[in-house]
Amino acid sequence: MENIPEDWLEQINRRLSDAGVPYKQRPWLAMRAWSLEQNIGVRFPSPISEHIFGWFYRNSPPEAHHIGSLFTGLFYFDVYFWPVDIPIAYGKVKLDPFASIGAMPDLVKARLRDDKLANLGYLGLWADCVDYGFGRDDLRGNGAITGFAANLFKAANEQLEATTTVLREARPNSKAMEFGRMATEMFLKSFLAAHVGLSEQEAKKRIGHDLDSALRECLTARPASELSQLQVRLSQFPDANARYAGATYSHDQLWNAYGTAQFAGSAVVRSLMDRNMRRTLESAHSPAPRRA
């Protein structure tokens, strides 16, 4: 493990304290600073992150540090919505797709690996979660999305998180269909606001709650966008007014609603950031060209 000098930790803690940074955020910022200074990747968890967190834990008030994931998505398999945790990491690190479903028992995980179709579906969902989690984190600090587009993206993110929350209940809640639809709508509008300057008034008058109309405008603006994959998926959502009908939906329908919203959000992030884990996985699993 790379040795981290005690005085370095003391100095950065003092700087963060002088800047008014809460205790909870300091170890994350220290990890980022160490990664940049040493030009190395720092993954959480790892010996380096444990060393940094241990130091801040010993030098902070009790209960100041609650460690979580950068982002948590879901994957539906074996009649259960499994949490997909994307770890916090800085620099260049190697991520293991199957380490992200730590809650899944080994026996079930082995079945997932052996089921080719489900395995591919999981890898695609995991790639979307990676791009979304890291991309969302980047968007918050680099100014690549501002104004109305940023407001829409924030609202869409809240709807996406609401979708995952109600699907993780003991009995998955059919409200996930409504939340997933709203997340998809807002992600599409944020795409238009970010790329072609869609205004709030235009969003209300031209699009309203019409998902098909929103997608058509996205593809008119960016014909090569991967959002074209949503053309066969939007019909699964009920009309916006259906939220007042109190309908119930199957697990498969709720899974499709979440997956569509997650893909839409990840596609928006990929359109704005230099990230594409899906493409990386596709390249890794493509057959090698035959030699003449």
Protein backbone atom coordinates (compact mmCIF):
# COMPACT_ATOMS: atom_id res chain seq x y z
CA MET A 1 0.00 0.00 0.00
CA GLU A 2 1.16 3.51 -0.82
CA ASN A 3 2.33 5.17 2.39
CA ILE A 4 0.30 8.30 3.20
CA PRO A 5 2.27 10.64 5.48
CA GLU A 6 0.55 11.66 8.69
CA ASP A 7 1.43 15.30 8.14
CA TRP A 8 -0.19 15.22 4.68
CA LEU A 9 -3.46 14.04 6.22
CA GLU A 10 -3.21 16.67 8.94
CA GLN A 11 -2.56 19.43 6.42
CA ILE A 12 -5.44 18.53 4.11
CA ASN A 13 -7.77 18.14 7.08
CA ARG A 14 -6.79 21.62 8.24
CA ARG A 15 -7.35 23.07 4.76
CA LEU A 16 -10.77 21.42 4.50
CA SER A 17 -11.67 22.65 7.97
CA ASP A 18 -10.65 26.22 7.07
CA ALA A 19 -12.81 25.94 3.93
CA GLY A 20 -15.83 24.97 6.01
CA VAL A 21 -16.07 21.41 4.61
CA PRO A 22 -18.19 19.11 6.84
CA TYR A 23 -16.48 16.11 8.44
CA LYS A 24 -18.48 13.69 6.31
CA GLN A 25 -17.07 15.04 3.05
CA ARG A 26 -13.41 15.31 4.08
CA PRO A 27 -12.22 11.72 3.51
CA TRP A 28 -13.76 11.68 0.01
CA LEU A 29 -11.99 14.92 -0.89
CA ALA A 30 -8.77 13.63 0.64
CA MET A 31 -9.04 10.49 -1.53
CA ARG A 32 -9.51 12.64 -4.62
CA ALA A 33 -6.58 14.88 -3.67
CA TRP A 34 -4.27 11.90 -3.06
CA SER A 35 -5.30 10.35 -6.38
CA LEU A 36 -4.51 13.56 -8.26
CA GLU A 37 -1.21 14.26 -6.47
CA GLN A 38 0.10 10.71 -6.89
CA ASN A 39 -1.51 10.11 -10.30
CA ILE A 40 -2.98 6.80 -9.17
CA GLY A 41 -6.42 5.25 -9.04
CA VAL A 42 -8.07 5.00 -5.64
CA ARG A 43 -11.03 2.69 -5.32
CA PHE A 44 -13.44 2.34 -2.44
CA PRO A 45 -12.98 0.01 -0.70
CA SER A 46 -9.19 -0.45 -0.95
CA PRO A 47 -6.23 -0.34 1.47
CA ILE A 48 -5.64 3.34 0.63
CA SER A 49 -9.28 4.34 1.15
CA GLU A 50 -9.40 2.36 4.40
CA HIS A 51 -6.26 4.13 5.61
CA ILE A 52 -7.69 7.56 4.78
CA PHE A 53 -11.10 6.82 6.25
CA GLY A 54 -9.51 5.29 9.33
CA TRP A 55 -7.51 8.45 9.95
CA PHE A 56 -10.52 10.73 9.52
CA TYR A 57 -12.68 8.42 11.63
CA ARG A 58 -10.18 8.64 14.49
CA ASN A 59 -9.98 12.41 14.17
CA SER A 60 -13.67 13.24 13.77
CA PRO A 61 -16.76 13.28 16.00
CA PRO A 62 -18.45 9.89 16.46
CA GLU A 63 -20.94 8.93 13.69
CA ALA A 64 -19.58 11.67 11.41
CA HIS A 65 -18.85 9.26 8.54
CA HIS A 66 -21.47 7.06 6.96
CA ILE A 67 -20.01 5.22 3.97
CA GLY A 68 -22.28 4.46 1.05
CA SER A 69 -22.12 3.95 -2.72
CA LEU A 70 -21.71 6.50 -5.47
CA PHE A 71 -24.94 5.24 -7.02
CA THR A 72 -27.30 2.31 -6.51
CA GLY A 73 -29.37 0.91 -9.33
CA LEU A 74 -31.43 -2.29 -9.58
CA PHE A 75 -31.43 -5.55 -11.53
CA TYR A 76 -34.43 -7.87 -11.63
CA PHE A 77 -33.56 -11.57 -11.50
CA ASP A 78 -35.08 -14.61 -9.85
CA VAL A 79 -38.22 -12.64 -8.90
CA TYR A 80 -36.26 -10.06 -6.90
CA PHE A 81 -34.95 -6.53 -7.40
CA TRP A 82 -31.24 -6.74 -6.50
CA PRO A 83 -29.36 -3.55 -5.60
CA VAL A 84 -26.47 -2.75 -7.94
CA ASP A 85 -23.95 -0.67 -6.00
CA ILE A 86 -21.42 1.42 -7.91
CA PRO A 87 -18.43 2.14 -5.66
CA ILE A 88 -16.83 5.52 -5.17
CA ALA A 89 -13.46 5.64 -6.94
CA TYR A 90 -11.03 8.25 -8.21
CA GLY A 91 -8.48 7.95 -11.00
CA LYS A 92 -8.21 4.87 -13.20
CA VAL A 93 -9.51 1.79 -11.42
CA LYS A 94 -10.76 -1.65 -12.43
CA LEU A 95 -14.43 -2.31 -11.67
CA ASP A 96 -15.93 -5.79 -11.31
CA PRO A 97 -19.58 -5.99 -12.49
CA PHE A 98 -20.41 -8.91 -10.22
CA ALA A 99 -18.90 -7.25 -7.16
CA SER A 100 -21.67 -4.65 -7.50
CA ILE A 101 -24.38 -7.19 -6.63
CA GLY A 102 -22.86 -8.14 -3.31
CA ALA A 103 -26.28 -8.83 -1.78
CA MET A 104 -26.90 -11.64 -4.28
CA PRO A 105 -26.02 -15.09 -2.88
CA ASP A 106 -23.26 -16.95 -4.71
CA LEU A 107 -25.66 -19.67 -5.85
CA VAL A 108 -27.99 -17.14 -7.49
CA LYS A 109 -25.02 -15.25 -8.92
CA ALA A 110 -23.75 -18.47 -10.53
CA ARG A 111 -27.15 -18.92 -12.19
CA LEU A 112 -26.99 -15.36 -13.48
CA ARG A 113 -23.54 -15.96 -14.96
CA ASP A 114 -24.74 -19.14 -16.68
CA ASP A 115 -27.88 -17.54 -18.14
CA LYS A 116 -26.46 -15.87 -21.26
CA LEU A 117 -29.44 -13.60 -21.93
CA ALA A 118 -29.81 -12.50 -18.30
CA ASN A 119 -26.03 -12.07 -18.03
CA LEU A 120 -25.96 -9.72 -21.02
CA GLY A 121 -28.92 -7.83 -19.61
CA TYR A 122 -27.15 -7.42 -16.29
CA LEU A 123 -23.92 -6.21 -17.88
CA GLY A 124 -25.85 -3.62 -19.88
CA LEU A 125 -27.67 -2.40 -16.78
CA TRP A 126 -24.42 -2.34 -14.78
CA ALA A 127 -22.74 -0.29 -17.53
CA ASP A 128 -25.64 2.17 -17.45
CA CYS A 129 -25.32 2.49 -13.67
CA VAL A 130 -21.55 3.05 -13.91
CA ASP A 131 -21.90 5.75 -16.56
CA TYR A 132 -24.78 7.38 -14.73
CA GLY A 133 -23.19 7.29 -11.28
CA PHE A 134 -19.80 8.66 -12.28
CA GLY A 135 -21.24 10.96 -14.94
CA ARG A 136 -23.80 12.44 -12.56
CA ASP A 137 -21.02 13.11 -10.10
CA ASP A 138 -18.97 14.85 -12.81
CA LEU A 139 -21.92 16.93 -14.05
CA ARG A 140 -22.43 18.33 -10.58
CA GLY A 141 -19.01 19.94 -10.60
CA ASN A 142 -17.90 20.71 -14.16
CA GLY A 143 -20.68 22.98 -15.45
CA ALA A 144 -21.37 20.83 -18.54
CA ILE A 145 -25.08 21.22 -17.85
CA THR A 146 -26.62 24.45 -16.53
CA GLY A 147 -29.85 26.41 -16.22
CA PHE A 148 -33.09 24.75 -17.28
CA ALA A 149 -31.24 21.62 -18.44
CA ALA A 150 -29.61 21.21 -15.03
CA ASN A 151 -32.93 21.73 -13.25
CA LEU A 152 -34.57 19.09 -15.43
CA PHE A 153 -31.73 16.64 -14.86
CA LYS A 154 -31.92 17.14 -11.09
CA ALA A 155 -35.68 16.56 -11.13
CA ALA A 156 -35.24 13.47 -13.32
CA ASN A 157 -32.61 12.11 -10.95
CA GLU A 158 -35.02 12.53 -8.02
CA GLN A 159 -37.70 10.60 -9.93
CA LEU A 160 -35.20 7.85 -10.81
CA GLU A 161 -34.16 7.52 -7.17
CA ALA A 162 -37.83 7.41 -6.16
CA THR A 163 -38.31 4.56 -8.64
CA THR A 164 -35.54 2.49 -7.10
CA THR A 165 -36.72 3.28 -3.57
CA VAL A 166 -40.25 1.95 -4.05
CA LEU A 167 -38.98 -1.11 -5.95
CA ARG A 168 -36.78 -2.02 -2.99
CA GLU A 169 -39.74 -2.15 -0.63
CA ALA A 170 -40.78 -5.55 0.73
CA ARG A 171 -43.59 -5.47 -1.82
CA PRO A 172 -42.48 -3.52 -4.93
CA ASN A 173 -44.81 -0.55 -5.27
CA SER A 174 -46.65 0.13 -8.54
CA LYS A 175 -45.87 3.83 -8.05
CA ALA A 176 -42.56 2.88 -9.69
CA MET A 177 -44.35 3.00 -13.05
CA GLU A 178 -45.33 6.65 -12.52
CA PHE A 179 -41.90 7.61 -11.18
CA GLY A 180 -40.14 5.81 -14.03
CA ARG A 181 -42.31 7.55 -16.62
CA MET A 182 -41.65 10.97 -15.11
CA ALA A 183 -37.91 10.28 -14.91
CA THR A 184 -37.84 9.26 -18.59
CA GLU A 185 -39.80 12.36 -19.63
CA MET A 186 -37.52 14.71 -17.71
CA PHE A 187 -34.35 13.04 -18.97
CA LEU A 188 -35.52 13.48 -22.58
CA LYS A 189 -36.34 17.13 -21.96
CA SER A 190 -33.00 17.70 -20.25
CA PHE A 191 -31.31 16.22 -23.34
CA LEU A 192 -33.11 18.75 -25.52
CA ALA A 193 -32.42 21.63 -23.14
CA ALA A 194 -28.72 20.75 -22.99
CA HIS A 195 -28.19 20.16 -26.73
CA VAL A 196 -30.61 22.51 -28.50
CA GLY A 197 -31.60 24.98 -25.81
CA LEU A 198 -35.18 23.83 -25.18
CA SER A 199 -36.83 26.42 -22.92
CA GLU A 200 -39.32 25.80 -20.15
CA GLN A 201 -42.11 27.39 -22.18
CA GLU A 202 -41.29 25.27 -25.24
CA ALA A 203 -41.19 22.14 -23.11
CA LYS A 204 -44.70 22.86 -21.86
CA LYS A 205 -46.26 23.94 -25.17
CA ARG A 206 -44.54 21.66 -27.69
CA ILE A 207 -44.06 18.52 -25.65
CA GLY A 208 -46.09 18.53 -22.47
CA HIS A 209 -46.13 14.96 -21.15
CA ASP A 210 -45.93 13.33 -24.62
CA LEU A 211 -42.98 10.92 -24.48
CA ASP A 212 -43.13 10.09 -28.19
CA SER A 213 -43.00 13.78 -29.09
CA ALA A 214 -40.05 14.33 -26.76
CA LEU A 215 -38.16 11.41 -28.26
CA ARG A 216 -38.88 12.55 -31.85
CA GLU A 217 -37.41 15.95 -31.07
CA CYS A 218 -34.35 14.34 -29.49
CA LEU A 219 -33.72 12.23 -32.58
CA THR A 220 -34.36 15.16 -34.90
CA ALA A 221 -31.71 17.10 -33.02
CA ARG A 222 -29.28 14.16 -32.75
CA PRO A 223 -30.25 11.43 -35.27
CA ALA A 224 -27.36 9.16 -34.25
CA SER A 225 -28.24 9.28 -30.55
CA GLU A 226 -28.53 5.97 -28.73
CA LEU A 227 -31.88 7.28 -27.47
CA SER A 228 -33.28 5.74 -30.66
CA GLN A 229 -33.34 2.47 -28.70
CA LEU A 230 -36.23 3.91 -26.69
CA GLN A 231 -38.55 3.87 -29.71
CA VAL A 232 -39.70 0.34 -28.91
CA ARG A 233 -39.83 0.90 -25.16
CA LEU A 234 -41.92 4.00 -24.57
CA SER A 235 -45.21 2.26 -25.38
CA GLN A 236 -44.91 0.30 -22.13
CA PHE A 237 -45.71 3.47 -20.18
CA PRO A 238 -49.36 4.38 -19.60
CA ASP A 239 -50.72 7.81 -20.41
CA ALA A 240 -49.60 10.51 -17.97
CA ASN A 241 -53.16 10.77 -16.62
CA ALA A 242 -53.11 7.09 -15.64
CA ARG A 243 -51.39 8.01 -12.38
CA TYR A 244 -54.83 8.93 -11.06
CA ALA A 245 -56.30 5.51 -11.87
CA GLY A 246 -54.49 3.55 -9.15
CA ALA A 247 -53.41 0.79 -11.54
CA THR A 248 -51.22 -2.10 -10.44
CA TYR A 249 -48.39 -3.58 -12.49
CA SER A 250 -46.43 -6.82 -12.57
CA HIS A 251 -42.82 -7.07 -11.50
CA ASP A 252 -41.78 -7.42 -15.14
CA GLN A 253 -43.63 -4.23 -16.08
CA LEU A 254 -42.07 -2.32 -13.20
CA TRP A 255 -38.62 -3.65 -14.10
CA ASN A 256 -39.07 -2.47 -17.69
CA ALA A 257 -40.18 0.96 -16.46
CA TYR A 258 -37.12 1.33 -14.25
CA GLY A 259 -34.76 -0.04 -16.91
CA THR A 260 -36.08 2.42 -19.48
CA ALA A 261 -35.65 5.37 -17.12
CA GLN A 262 -32.15 4.22 -16.17
CA PHE A 263 -31.12 3.85 -19.80
CA ALA A 264 -32.54 7.28 -20.66
CA GLY A 265 -30.62 8.93 -17.83
CA SER A 266 -27.41 7.12 -18.70
CA ALA A 267 -27.77 8.05 -22.39
CA VAL A 268 -28.15 11.72 -21.45
CA VAL A 269 -25.00 11.55 -19.31
CA ARG A 270 -23.05 9.79 -22.08
CA SER A 271 -24.11 12.49 -24.54
CA LEU A 272 -22.53 15.13 -22.30
CA MET A 273 -19.52 13.31 -20.85
CA ASP A 274 -16.61 11.28 -22.15
CA ARG A 275 -17.93 8.06 -20.65
CA ASN A 276 -19.29 4.92 -22.29
CA MET A 277 -18.97 1.71 -20.29
CA ARG A 278 -21.49 0.05 -22.61
CA ARG A 279 -19.15 0.53 -25.55
CA THR A 280 -16.23 -0.75 -23.49
CA LEU A 281 -18.11 -3.93 -22.59
CA GLU A 282 -19.30 -4.44 -26.15
CA SER A 283 -15.71 -4.17 -27.40
CA ALA A 284 -14.51 -6.61 -24.75
CA HIS A 285 -17.16 -9.19 -25.68
CA SER A 286 -16.97 -8.80 -29.46
CA PRO A 287 -15.44 -11.78 -31.28
CA ALA A 288 -11.93 -11.23 -32.58
CA PRO A 289 -11.73 -10.75 -36.38
CA ARG A 290 -10.62 -13.80 -38.32
CA ARG A 291 -7.26 -13.72 -39.97
CA ALA A 292 -7.19 -14.12 -43.73
